[in-house]
PDB file of N, CA and C in Angstrom:
ATOM      1  N   MET A   1     -16.060  12.183  -5.997  1.00  0.00           N
ATOM      2  CA  MET A   1     -14.774  12.250  -5.781  1.00  0.00           C
ATOM      3  C   MET A   1     -14.575  13.426  -6.307  1.00  0.00           C
ATOM      4  N   GLU A   2     -14.104  14.422  -5.146  1.00  0.00           N
ATOM      5  CA  GLU A   2     -12.762  15.441  -4.856  1.00  0.00           C
ATOM      6  C   GLU A   2     -11.992  15.590  -5.733  1.00  0.00           C
ATOM      7  N   HIS A   3     -11.784  16.332  -6.408  1.00  0.00           N
ATOM      8  CA  HIS A   3     -10.380  16.508  -7.515  1.00  0.00           C
ATOM      9  C   HIS A   3      -8.875  17.164  -6.697  1.00  0.00           C
ATOM     10  N   TYR A   4      -8.301  17.150  -7.106  1.00  0.00           N
ATOM     11  CA  TYR A   4      -7.362  17.771  -6.665  1.00  0.00           C
ATOM     12  C   TYR A   4      -6.082  18.394  -7.526  1.00  0.00           C
ATOM     13  N   GLY A   5      -5.549  18.915  -7.494  1.00  0.00           N
ATOM     14  CA  GLY A   5      -4.821  20.175  -8.250  1.00  0.00           C
ATOM     15  C   GLY A   5      -3.189  19.891  -8.018  1.00  0.00           C
ATOM     16  N   PRO A   6      -2.219  20.004  -8.778  1.00  0.00           N
ATOM     17  CA  PRO A   6      -0.916  19.866  -8.542  1.00  0.00           C
ATOM     18  C   PRO A   6      -0.194  20.778  -7.671  1.00  0.00           C
ATOM     19  N   ASP A   7      -0.941  21.550  -6.922  1.00  0.00           N
ATOM     20  CA  ASP A   7      -0.298  22.257  -5.838  1.00  0.00           C
ATOM     21  C   ASP A   7      -0.708  21.244  -4.460  1.00  0.00           C
ATOM     22  N   GLN A   8      -1.439  20.386  -4.609  1.00  0.00           N
ATOM     23  CA  GLN A   8      -1.941  19.347  -3.378  1.00  0.00           C
ATOM     24  C   GLN A   8      -1.034  18.314  -3.684  1.00  0.00           C
ATOM     25  N   VAL A   9      -0.268  17.827  -4.313  1.00  0.00           N
ATOM     26  CA  VAL A   9       0.599  16.439  -4.285  1.00  0.00           C
ATOM     27  C   VAL A   9       1.236  15.947  -3.364  1.00  0.00           C
ATOM     28  N   GLU A  10       1.954  16.554  -2.500  1.00  0.00           N
ATOM     29  CA  GLU A  10       2.666  16.392  -1.428  1.00  0.00           C
ATOM     30  C   GLU A  10       1.775  16.057  -0.389  1.00  0.00           C
ATOM     31  N   GLU A  11       0.821  17.226   0.115  1.00  0.00           N
ATOM     32  CA  GLU A  11      -0.536  16.784   1.347  1.00  0.00           C
ATOM     33  C   GLU A  11      -0.918  15.038   0.657  1.00  0.00           C
ATOM     34  N   LEU A  12      -1.296  14.756  -0.689  1.00  0.00           N
ATOM     35  CA  LEU A  12      -1.806  13.901  -0.691  1.00  0.00           C
ATOM     36  C   LEU A  12      -0.969  12.772  -0.897  1.00  0.00           C
ATOM     37  N   ILE A  13       0.211  12.401  -1.030  1.00  0.00           N
ATOM     38  CA  ILE A  13       1.255  11.521  -0.658  1.00  0.00           C
ATOM     39  C   ILE A  13       1.783  11.618   0.645  1.00  0.00           C
ATOM     40  N   GLN A  14       1.969  12.731   1.543  1.00  0.00           N
ATOM     41  CA  GLN A  14       1.626  12.436   2.780  1.00  0.00           C
ATOM     42  C   GLN A  14       0.564  11.532   3.495  1.00  0.00           C
ATOM     43  N   THR A  15      -0.290  12.085   3.384  1.00  0.00           N
ATOM     44  CA  THR A  15      -1.790  11.133   3.776  1.00  0.00           C
ATOM     45  C   THR A  15      -1.765   9.910   3.295  1.00  0.00           C
ATOM     46  N   TYR A  16      -0.991   9.286   2.181  1.00  0.00           N
ATOM     47  CA  TYR A  16      -1.465   8.413   1.698  1.00  0.00           C
ATOM     48  C   TYR A  16      -0.179   7.702   2.685  1.00  0.00           C
ATOM     49  N   ARG A  17       1.181   7.885   2.946  1.00  0.00           N
ATOM     50  CA  ARG A  17       1.838   7.587   3.659  1.00  0.00           C
ATOM     51  C   ARG A  17       1.740   7.077   5.265  1.00  0.00           C
ATOM     52  N   GLU A  18       0.787   8.141   5.400  1.00  0.00           N
ATOM     53  CA  GLU A  18       0.050   8.540   7.262  1.00  0.00           C
ATOM     54  C   GLU A  18      -0.667   7.339   7.356  1.00  0.00           C
ATOM     55  N   TYR A  19      -1.460   7.072   6.302  1.00  0.00           N
ATOM     56  CA  TYR A  19      -2.812   6.279   6.037  1.00  0.00           C
ATOM     57  C   TYR A  19      -2.050   4.633   6.437  1.00  0.00           C
ATOM     58  N   SER A  20      -0.961   4.241   5.059  1.00  0.00           N
ATOM     59  CA  SER A  20      -0.818   2.668   4.909  1.00  0.00           C
ATOM     60  C   SER A  20       0.350   2.591   5.998  1.00  0.00           C
ATOM     61  N   LEU A  21       0.934   3.536   7.002  1.00  0.00           N
ATOM     62  CA  LEU A  21       1.673   2.907   7.846  1.00  0.00           C
ATOM     63  C   LEU A  21       0.800   2.722   8.850  1.00  0.00           C
ATOM     64  N   VAL A  22      -0.302   3.244   9.001  1.00  0.00           N
ATOM     65  CA  VAL A  22      -0.939   2.614  10.085  1.00  0.00           C
ATOM     66  C   VAL A  22      -1.762   1.541   9.716  1.00  0.00           C
ATOM     67  N   HIS A  23      -2.143   1.122   8.786  1.00  0.00           N
ATOM     68  CA  HIS A  23      -3.272   0.090   8.179  1.00  0.00           C
ATOM     69  C   HIS A  23      -2.287  -0.769   6.887  1.00  0.00           C
ATOM     70  N   HIS A  24      -1.091  -1.130   6.987  1.00  0.00           N
ATOM     71  CA  HIS A  24      -1.227  -1.927   5.923  1.00  0.00           C
ATOM     72  C   HIS A  24      -0.384  -2.952   6.625  1.00  0.00           C
ATOM     73  N   ASP A  25      -0.450  -3.861   7.841  1.00  0.00           N
ATOM     74  CA  ASP A  25      -0.212  -5.350   7.947  1.00  0.00           C
ATOM     75  C   ASP A  25      -1.921  -5.284   8.349  1.00  0.00           C
ATOM     76  N   GLN A  26      -2.481  -4.832   8.390  1.00  0.00           N
ATOM     77  CA  GLN A  26      -3.903  -5.095   8.145  1.00  0.00           C
ATOM     78  C   GLN A  26      -4.691  -5.514   7.383  1.00  0.00           C
ATOM     79  N   MET A  27      -4.011  -5.181   6.269  1.00  0.00           N
ATOM     80  CA  MET A  27      -4.985  -4.671   4.709  1.00  0.00           C
ATOM     81  C   MET A  27      -4.663  -5.688   4.025  1.00  0.00           C
ATOM     82  N   THR A  28      -3.045  -6.405   4.374  1.00  0.00           N
ATOM     83  CA  THR A  28      -2.237  -7.041   3.344  1.00  0.00           C
ATOM     84  C   THR A  28      -2.321  -8.508   3.967  1.00  0.00           C
ATOM     85  N   LYS A  29      -2.165  -9.437   2.955  1.00  0.00           N
ATOM     86  CA  LYS A  29      -2.327 -10.983   3.294  1.00  0.00           C
ATOM     87  C   LYS A  29      -1.812 -11.927   1.933  1.00  0.00           C
ATOM     88  N   ILE A  30      -1.680 -12.681   2.491  1.00  0.00           N
ATOM     89  CA  ILE A  30      -0.642 -13.370   1.495  1.00  0.00           C
ATOM     90  C   ILE A  30      -1.740 -14.865   0.887  1.00  0.00           C
ATOM     91  N   PHE A  31      -1.077 -14.808  -0.478  1.00  0.00           N
ATOM     92  CA  PHE A  31      -2.677 -15.910  -0.990  1.00  0.00           C
ATOM     93  C   PHE A  31      -2.057 -16.884  -1.402  1.00  0.00           C
ATOM     94  N   SER A  32      -3.123 -17.886  -1.685  1.00  0.00           N
ATOM     95  CA  SER A  32      -2.726 -19.358  -1.547  1.00  0.00           C
ATOM     96  C   SER A  32      -1.759 -19.334  -2.564  1.00  0.00           C
ATOM     97  N   GLY A  33      -0.461 -20.107  -2.168  1.00  0.00           N
ATOM     98  CA  GLY A  33       0.733 -20.642  -2.953  1.00  0.00           C
ATOM     99  C   GLY A  33       1.369 -19.738  -3.109  1.00  0.00           C
ATOM    100  N   VAL A  34       1.213 -18.854  -2.592  1.00  0.00           N
ATOM    101  CA  VAL A  34       2.915 -17.678  -2.904  1.00  0.00           C
ATOM    102  C   VAL A  34       3.612 -17.842  -1.854  1.00  0.00           C
ATOM    103  N   ALA A  35       3.632 -18.010  -1.105  1.00  0.00           N
ATOM    104  CA  ALA A  35       4.868 -19.057   0.286  1.00  0.00           C
ATOM    105  C   ALA A  35       5.555 -20.131  -0.772  1.00  0.00           C
ATOM    106  N   LYS A  36       4.839 -20.984  -1.245  1.00  0.00           N
ATOM    107  CA  LYS A  36       5.661 -22.234  -1.508  1.00  0.00           C
ATOM    108  C   LYS A  36       5.931 -21.656  -2.692  1.00  0.00           C
ATOM    109  N   ASN A  37       6.018 -20.475  -3.804  1.00  0.00           N
ATOM    110  CA  ASN A  37       6.401 -20.638  -4.972  1.00  0.00           C
ATOM    111  C   ASN A  37       7.155 -19.802  -4.792  1.00  0.00           C
ATOM    112  N   HIS A  38       7.188 -18.925  -3.716  1.00  0.00           N
ATOM    113  CA  HIS A  38       8.525 -17.985  -3.809  1.00  0.00           C
ATOM    114  C   HIS A  38       9.753 -18.412  -3.159  1.00  0.00           C
ATOM    115  N   SER A  39       9.456 -19.246  -2.532  1.00  0.00           N
ATOM    116  CA  SER A  39      10.438 -20.433  -1.410  1.00  0.00           C
ATOM    117  C   SER A  39      11.373 -20.999  -2.931  1.00  0.00           C
ATOM    118  N   SER A  40      10.685 -21.048  -3.662  1.00  0.00           N
ATOM    119  CA  SER A  40      11.022 -21.936  -4.611  1.00  0.00           C
ATOM    120  C   SER A  40      11.839 -20.945  -5.744  1.00  0.00           C
ATOM    121  N   ILE A  41      12.156 -19.779  -5.847  1.00  0.00           N
ATOM    122  CA  ILE A  41      12.758 -19.305  -6.641  1.00  0.00           C
ATOM    123  C   ILE A  41      13.679 -18.503  -5.824  1.00  0.00           C
ATOM    124  N   ALA A  42      13.846 -18.529  -4.591  1.00  0.00           N
ATOM    125  CA  ALA A  42      14.599 -17.706  -3.488  1.00  0.00           C
ATOM    126  C   ALA A  42      16.217 -18.678  -3.857  1.00  0.00           C
TER     127      ALA A  42
END
């Protein structure tokens, strides 16, 4: 893996945000029992 310097922080954050916006919903899933437990504390 490449090493990044402090001068690249903003570039890395922007790259992460762009990737996340495109792929977030495809990569997110609910785990068994979470919905039931969440509704009981809401």
